[in-house]
Amino acid sequence: MAFRLGPRSLCRAFRQQNSKWRKYSVQQLPGDYSVVLPKEPFVWGVSHIIPRPVPIHIPRPPYVKGDSPTINGLNHREVYEGDGRIALGSSEEMSLRKAALLARDALSYASTLVKVGVTTETIDTALHDWITAHEAYPSPLLYSGFPKSCCTSVNNILCHGVPDGRPLEDGDIVNIDVTVYVDRNHGDTSRTFLVGDVDEPGRRLVDITNNALDLAIQYCGPGKPFKGIGKVIHDHIRRSGNYCVSQRFTGHGIGSAFHRPPWILHHLNDEPGVMLPGHCFTIEPIVIEGPDPTDWTFPDGWAASTENCSRGAQAEHMVLITEDGYDVLTA
């Protein structure tokens, strides 16, 4: 059973035993790795972070109205119509494929930046420059006020980690989530990378996550119920040992809108609907060590951490349903 601390207790312990929490190795949790906690004194929100500028000639997604997160606010809701399907063989499909391939290439570039001692801020800066050099907009930037161009989630951070000055440490795992906006469409993909010499439980966690994504993709096809994705992932994780999947964060339809239906749940569920040709969506399970998926959000309002400090890993692809199967656009 995992050693469990609620967010308030965890933060209290961090204040009282800062040096001891630096390296977190509790017998009840597998592995030996550093726990990521919010720095003190706590800073609420992200309004103090100045977003990097994007060249004015690069088209912005509809939710960006200028270069300040205060303009966009924190309660943005995207506008979309229809059931999310695109016409196969159309110019819309070609544009979507272009965005997906650029996201794939951006994540491949990001993989070359993951090294011991490199800060996630450095990775974000390099990715921002790479994406804008390819005449695209980094979709996370200013989305509902998010101040960076990608998400970097280390160890116990499940997703939406805000890049900062923490250097990556030997033994870390880090998910880099990249989305680009180009030719009126978003391309979205992520992967969890190993930093240096990662312990065996950490490597196994990443492998199980990648396998969960692969199996979920192989299930897809026209006429398949969306809820089957969650069952495939559930069955795989149950066979793999003492793991669970986050029930809070979902996959989503994607295209001209960053997030829209269909919503893709990664746990057992009764979500209605079936896949039809032209549906494009992400599958992005977060697999967690141990049986408890409970998470809490950092004072920055974005980074989601497990309550008990166990690690999570995530992997993501965009899947397009075709007339006779599926196509992984970000592979």
Protein backbone atom coordinates (compact mmCIF):
# COMPACT_ATOMS: atom_id res chain seq x y z
CA MET A 1 0.00 0.00 0.00
CA ALA A 2 1.34 3.40 -0.95
CA PHE A 3 2.40 5.90 1.68
CA ARG A 4 -0.26 8.59 1.31
CA LEU A 5 -0.24 12.28 2.11
CA GLY A 6 -3.00 14.69 1.18
CA PRO A 7 -1.90 17.90 -0.55
CA ARG A 8 -1.96 19.98 2.61
CA SER A 9 -0.07 17.37 4.59
CA LEU A 10 2.37 16.91 1.74
CA CYS A 11 3.10 20.61 1.56
CA ARG A 12 3.40 20.77 5.36
CA ALA A 13 5.89 17.93 5.33
CA PHE A 14 7.81 19.66 2.57
CA ARG A 15 8.06 22.82 4.65
CA GLN A 16 9.20 20.91 7.72
CA GLN A 17 11.60 18.50 6.04
CA ASN A 18 12.71 20.21 2.88
CA SER A 19 16.07 18.45 2.72
CA LYS A 20 14.56 15.05 3.43
CA TRP A 21 11.92 15.45 0.70
CA ARG A 22 14.61 16.29 -1.85
CA LYS A 23 15.08 12.59 -2.61
CA TYR A 24 11.95 10.57 -1.91
CA SER A 25 12.46 6.85 -1.38
CA VAL A 26 9.71 5.28 0.73
CA GLN A 27 9.60 1.52 1.00
CA GLN A 28 5.91 1.38 0.16
CA LEU A 29 6.44 3.12 -3.21
CA PRO A 30 8.50 1.49 -5.95
CA GLY A 31 11.73 3.06 -7.10
CA ASP A 32 14.05 5.84 -6.08
CA TYR A 33 13.36 9.25 -7.58
CA SER A 34 12.97 12.92 -6.72
CA VAL A 35 9.49 14.16 -5.96
CA VAL A 36 8.51 17.43 -7.62
CA LEU A 37 6.74 19.83 -5.27
CA PRO A 38 5.79 23.50 -5.61
CA LYS A 39 8.49 25.91 -4.54
CA GLU A 40 8.00 28.07 -1.50
CA PRO A 41 6.86 30.71 -0.99
CA PHE A 42 3.90 29.56 -3.09
CA VAL A 43 2.99 31.72 -6.07
CA TRP A 44 -0.65 31.40 -7.06
CA GLY A 45 -1.48 31.29 -10.74
CA VAL A 46 0.86 32.02 -13.66
CA SER A 47 0.22 35.70 -14.34
CA HIS A 48 3.78 36.49 -13.20
CA ILE A 49 5.23 34.45 -16.11
CA ILE A 50 5.83 36.49 -19.24
CA PRO A 51 4.90 34.51 -22.38
CA ARG A 52 7.34 34.43 -25.25
CA PRO A 53 6.30 36.41 -28.32
CA VAL A 54 5.30 34.72 -31.56
CA PRO A 55 6.13 36.47 -34.86
CA ILE A 56 3.13 38.50 -35.90
CA HIS A 57 2.87 36.89 -39.34
CA ILE A 58 2.20 33.41 -37.87
CA PRO A 59 -1.57 32.76 -37.71
CA ARG A 60 -2.96 32.37 -34.20
CA PRO A 61 -5.69 29.92 -33.18
CA PRO A 62 -9.05 31.59 -32.48
CA TYR A 63 -8.57 31.59 -28.69
CA VAL A 64 -5.52 33.87 -28.91
CA LYS A 65 -6.42 37.56 -29.01
CA GLY A 66 -3.06 39.19 -28.57
CA ASP A 67 0.07 38.13 -26.67
CA SER A 68 -1.06 38.42 -23.06
CA PRO A 69 -2.68 35.66 -20.98
CA THR A 70 -4.68 38.32 -19.17
CA ILE A 71 -6.43 39.12 -22.45
CA ASN A 72 -7.46 35.52 -22.94
CA GLY A 73 -8.49 34.93 -19.34
CA LEU A 74 -8.68 31.60 -17.56
CA ASN A 75 -12.17 30.48 -18.55
CA HIS A 76 -11.86 30.18 -22.31
CA ARG A 77 -14.28 27.80 -24.01
CA GLU A 78 -13.66 26.75 -27.57
CA VAL A 79 -16.39 27.07 -30.16
CA TYR A 80 -17.03 24.08 -32.40
CA GLU A 81 -19.83 22.63 -34.49
CA GLY A 82 -20.97 19.23 -35.73
CA ASP A 83 -19.80 15.81 -34.60
CA GLY A 84 -16.09 16.43 -35.20
CA ARG A 85 -15.86 14.39 -38.40
CA ILE A 86 -13.91 15.59 -41.41
CA ALA A 87 -14.38 14.61 -45.04
CA LEU A 88 -11.81 11.95 -45.89
CA GLY A 89 -9.69 12.83 -48.88
CA SER A 90 -10.49 16.53 -48.52
CA SER A 91 -8.18 19.52 -48.16
CA GLU A 92 -9.22 19.56 -44.48
CA GLU A 93 -7.73 16.10 -44.04
CA MET A 94 -4.52 17.20 -45.75
CA SER A 95 -4.25 20.20 -43.42
CA LEU A 96 -4.87 18.02 -40.38
CA ARG A 97 -2.18 15.58 -41.48
CA LYS A 98 0.23 18.47 -41.96
CA ALA A 99 -0.33 19.66 -38.39
CA ALA A 100 -0.01 16.14 -36.98
CA LEU A 101 3.27 15.49 -38.80
CA LEU A 102 4.72 18.78 -37.60
CA ALA A 103 3.76 17.86 -34.02
CA ARG A 104 5.46 14.49 -34.49
CA ASP A 105 8.62 16.17 -35.73
CA ALA A 106 8.53 18.71 -32.89
CA LEU A 107 8.35 15.90 -30.32
CA SER A 108 11.20 14.11 -32.07
CA TYR A 109 13.24 17.31 -31.76
CA ALA A 110 12.25 17.58 -28.09
CA SER A 111 13.63 14.09 -27.47
CA THR A 112 17.12 15.35 -28.39
CA LEU A 113 16.91 17.98 -25.63
CA VAL A 114 16.22 15.57 -22.75
CA LYS A 115 19.47 15.30 -20.80
CA VAL A 116 20.56 15.35 -17.18
CA GLY A 117 21.04 18.96 -16.08
CA VAL A 118 18.85 20.54 -18.76
CA THR A 119 15.97 22.59 -17.38
CA THR A 120 12.42 22.19 -18.64
CA GLU A 121 12.48 25.94 -19.26
CA THR A 122 15.35 25.40 -21.71
CA ILE A 123 13.35 22.67 -23.46
CA ASP A 124 10.33 24.97 -23.72
CA THR A 125 12.43 27.80 -25.16
CA ALA A 126 14.03 25.55 -27.76
CA LEU A 127 10.69 24.04 -28.75
CA HIS A 128 9.08 27.48 -29.02
CA ASP A 129 11.83 28.61 -31.37
CA TRP A 130 11.65 25.37 -33.40
CA ILE A 131 7.87 25.55 -33.82
CA THR A 132 7.78 29.21 -34.79
CA ALA A 133 10.72 28.68 -37.18
CA HIS A 134 8.45 26.18 -38.93
CA GLU A 135 5.79 28.88 -39.33
CA ALA A 136 3.48 27.32 -36.71
CA TYR A 137 2.01 28.49 -33.43
CA PRO A 138 2.63 26.52 -30.19
CA SER A 139 -0.99 25.72 -29.26
CA PRO A 140 -0.61 25.62 -25.44
CA LEU A 141 0.71 29.20 -25.38
CA LEU A 142 -2.07 31.43 -23.94
CA TYR A 143 -4.65 28.63 -24.06
CA SER A 144 -6.81 29.53 -21.07
CA GLY A 145 -3.86 31.58 -19.86
CA PHE A 146 -1.19 28.84 -20.01
CA PRO A 147 2.10 30.77 -20.20
CA LYS A 148 4.41 28.30 -21.97
CA SER A 149 4.70 26.60 -25.35
CA CYS A 150 4.64 22.97 -24.16
CA CYS A 151 3.88 20.97 -21.02
CA THR A 152 6.69 19.20 -19.17
CA SER A 153 5.58 16.78 -16.45
CA VAL A 154 8.27 15.17 -14.28
CA ASN A 155 7.93 12.05 -12.08
CA ASN A 156 4.84 12.54 -9.87
CA ILE A 157 3.41 15.27 -12.12
CA LEU A 158 0.75 13.57 -14.22
CA CYS A 159 0.25 16.30 -16.82
CA HIS A 160 0.16 20.06 -17.47
CA GLY A 161 3.50 20.71 -15.83
CA VAL A 162 4.65 24.30 -16.41
CA PRO A 163 8.26 24.43 -17.67
CA ASP A 164 10.57 26.04 -15.11
CA GLY A 165 14.15 26.27 -13.90
CA ARG A 166 14.35 22.81 -12.32
CA PRO A 167 17.17 20.83 -13.99
CA LEU A 168 16.29 17.30 -15.03
CA GLU A 169 17.94 14.81 -12.69
CA ASP A 170 19.48 11.43 -13.31
CA GLY A 171 16.62 8.95 -12.84
CA ASP A 172 13.76 11.31 -13.75
CA ILE A 173 11.01 10.51 -16.20
CA VAL A 174 9.53 13.47 -18.06
CA ASN A 175 6.51 13.71 -20.32
CA ILE A 176 6.72 16.38 -23.02
CA ASP A 177 3.35 17.29 -24.51
CA VAL A 178 3.58 19.19 -27.79
CA THR A 179 0.76 20.74 -29.80
CA VAL A 180 1.18 22.93 -32.87
CA TYR A 181 -1.30 25.05 -34.81
CA VAL A 182 -0.65 25.32 -38.53
CA ASP A 183 -2.86 25.62 -41.61
CA ARG A 184 -5.94 26.10 -39.37
CA ASN A 185 -5.47 22.78 -37.53
CA HIS A 186 -3.88 21.48 -34.34
CA GLY A 187 -1.46 18.57 -34.14
CA ASP A 188 -1.04 17.02 -30.68
CA THR A 189 1.27 14.29 -29.34
CA SER A 190 3.28 13.42 -26.25
CA ARG A 191 5.70 10.87 -24.88
CA THR A 192 7.40 10.13 -21.58
CA PHE A 193 11.19 10.13 -21.81
CA LEU A 194 13.82 8.53 -19.56
CA VAL A 195 16.46 10.87 -18.12
CA GLY A 196 19.79 9.18 -17.52
CA ASP A 197 19.75 5.97 -15.48
CA VAL A 198 16.09 5.40 -14.61
CA ASP A 199 15.28 2.61 -12.13
CA GLU A 200 13.59 -0.59 -13.31
CA PRO A 201 10.12 0.34 -11.93
CA GLY A 202 10.26 3.65 -13.79
CA ARG A 203 11.25 1.98 -17.04
CA ARG A 204 8.49 -0.58 -16.62
CA LEU A 205 5.95 2.17 -15.98
CA VAL A 206 6.88 3.89 -19.25
CA ASP A 207 6.77 0.59 -21.17
CA ILE A 208 3.34 -0.29 -19.78
CA THR A 209 2.05 3.16 -20.73
CA ASN A 210 3.35 2.89 -24.29
CA ASN A 211 1.84 -0.57 -24.61
CA ALA A 212 -1.51 0.68 -23.26
CA LEU A 213 -1.59 3.34 -25.98
CA ASP A 214 -0.63 0.86 -28.70
CA LEU A 215 -3.33 -1.62 -27.66
CA ALA A 216 -5.96 1.12 -27.47
CA ILE A 217 -5.06 2.27 -30.98
CA GLN A 218 -5.23 -1.27 -32.35
CA TYR A 219 -8.80 -1.52 -31.03
CA CYS A 220 -9.97 1.44 -33.11
CA GLY A 221 -12.02 1.28 -36.30
CA PRO A 222 -15.36 2.32 -37.80
CA GLY A 223 -18.31 1.13 -35.72
CA LYS A 224 -16.25 0.49 -32.58
CA PRO A 225 -17.74 1.97 -29.38
CA PHE A 226 -15.63 4.73 -27.86
CA LYS A 227 -16.03 3.13 -24.43
CA GLY A 228 -14.04 0.12 -25.63
CA ILE A 229 -10.84 2.17 -25.50
CA GLY A 230 -11.12 2.41 -21.73
CA LYS A 231 -11.76 -1.32 -21.39
CA VAL A 232 -8.70 -2.22 -23.44
CA ILE A 233 -6.51 0.02 -21.30
CA HIS A 234 -8.10 -1.24 -18.06
CA ASP A 235 -7.55 -4.87 -19.00
CA HIS A 236 -3.93 -4.24 -19.97
CA ILE A 237 -3.11 -2.40 -16.76
CA ARG A 238 -4.82 -5.05 -14.62
CA ARG A 239 -2.68 -7.75 -16.26
CA SER A 240 0.48 -5.69 -15.75
CA GLY A 241 0.45 -5.51 -11.95
CA ASN A 242 -0.08 -2.79 -9.38
CA TYR A 243 -1.02 0.17 -11.58
CA CYS A 244 -4.03 2.38 -12.26
CA VAL A 245 -5.03 4.97 -14.85
CA SER A 246 -6.02 8.58 -14.27
CA GLN A 247 -9.77 9.06 -14.54
CA ARG A 248 -9.60 12.84 -14.52
CA PHE A 249 -7.83 13.54 -17.82
CA THR A 250 -9.20 12.40 -21.16
CA GLY A 251 -8.40 12.24 -24.82
CA HIS A 252 -10.39 14.49 -27.13
CA GLY A 253 -11.44 15.27 -30.62
CA ILE A 254 -8.99 17.51 -32.43
CA GLY A 255 -8.70 19.45 -35.66
CA SER A 256 -9.64 23.07 -36.13
CA ALA A 257 -10.47 23.03 -32.40
CA PHE A 258 -7.80 22.09 -29.85
CA HIS A 259 -10.25 20.17 -27.61
CA ARG A 260 -13.75 19.04 -28.57
CA PRO A 261 -15.94 15.91 -28.55
CA PRO A 262 -15.60 13.01 -28.83
CA TRP A 263 -14.11 12.72 -25.34
CA ILE A 264 -11.93 9.63 -24.94
CA LEU A 265 -12.03 8.08 -21.47
CA HIS A 266 -9.15 5.79 -20.55
CA HIS A 267 -10.88 3.89 -17.72
CA LEU A 268 -13.94 1.65 -17.62
CA ASN A 269 -16.88 3.81 -18.66
CA ASP A 270 -20.26 3.94 -20.39
CA GLU A 271 -19.51 6.85 -22.71
CA PRO A 272 -21.96 6.65 -25.64
CA GLY A 273 -21.15 6.77 -29.33
CA VAL A 274 -19.19 4.84 -31.92
CA MET A 275 -16.25 5.71 -34.14
CA LEU A 276 -17.14 6.76 -37.65
CA PRO A 277 -14.98 7.51 -40.71
CA GLY A 278 -13.65 11.05 -40.38
CA HIS A 279 -13.47 11.11 -36.59
CA CYS A 280 -10.06 12.31 -35.39
CA PHE A 281 -9.18 12.18 -31.71
CA THR A 282 -6.31 11.75 -29.29
CA ILE A 283 -5.73 8.76 -27.04
CA GLU A 284 -3.48 9.75 -24.13
CA PRO A 285 -3.64 7.49 -21.06
CA ILE A 286 -1.81 8.41 -17.88
CA VAL A 287 -0.70 5.25 -16.09
CA ILE A 288 0.17 5.58 -12.38
CA GLU A 289 2.19 3.37 -10.05
CA GLY A 290 0.00 1.84 -7.37
CA PRO A 291 -3.78 1.63 -6.99
CA ASP A 292 -4.61 5.27 -6.22
CA PRO A 293 -5.18 7.73 -9.11
CA THR A 294 -6.05 10.66 -6.81
CA ASP A 295 -4.36 13.91 -7.84
CA TRP A 296 -4.20 17.54 -6.76
CA THR A 297 -3.28 20.72 -8.58
CA PHE A 298 -0.28 22.89 -7.75
CA PRO A 299 -0.71 26.53 -6.73
CA ASP A 300 0.12 27.49 -10.33
CA GLY A 301 -3.32 26.16 -11.28
CA TRP A 302 -1.96 23.73 -13.89
CA ALA A 303 0.45 21.00 -12.77
CA ALA A 304 -1.44 17.92 -11.55
CA SER A 305 0.43 15.70 -9.09
CA THR A 306 -0.48 12.40 -7.51
CA GLU A 307 -1.44 12.88 -3.86
CA ASN A 308 0.78 10.05 -2.69
CA CYS A 309 3.83 11.11 -4.75
CA SER A 310 3.77 8.02 -6.98
CA ARG A 311 4.94 8.44 -10.56
CA GLY A 312 2.76 8.72 -13.63
CA ALA A 313 3.62 8.34 -17.31
CA GLN A 314 1.65 9.44 -20.35
CA ALA A 315 1.78 8.74 -24.08
CA GLU A 316 -0.39 10.29 -26.80
CA HIS A 317 -1.18 9.93 -30.48
CA MET A 318 -3.76 11.34 -32.87
CA VAL A 319 -5.95 8.69 -34.50
CA LEU A 320 -8.03 9.23 -37.66
CA ILE A 321 -10.82 6.73 -38.34
CA THR A 322 -10.88 5.67 -41.99
CA GLU A 323 -13.44 3.73 -44.03
CA ASP A 324 -11.85 0.41 -43.15
CA GLY A 325 -9.69 1.02 -40.09
CA TYR A 326 -7.58 3.79 -38.60
CA ASP A 327 -4.50 5.88 -39.29
CA VAL A 328 -2.14 7.16 -36.59
CA LEU A 329 -1.38 10.68 -37.79
CA THR A 330 1.43 11.44 -35.32
CA ALA A 331 3.35 8.16 -35.76
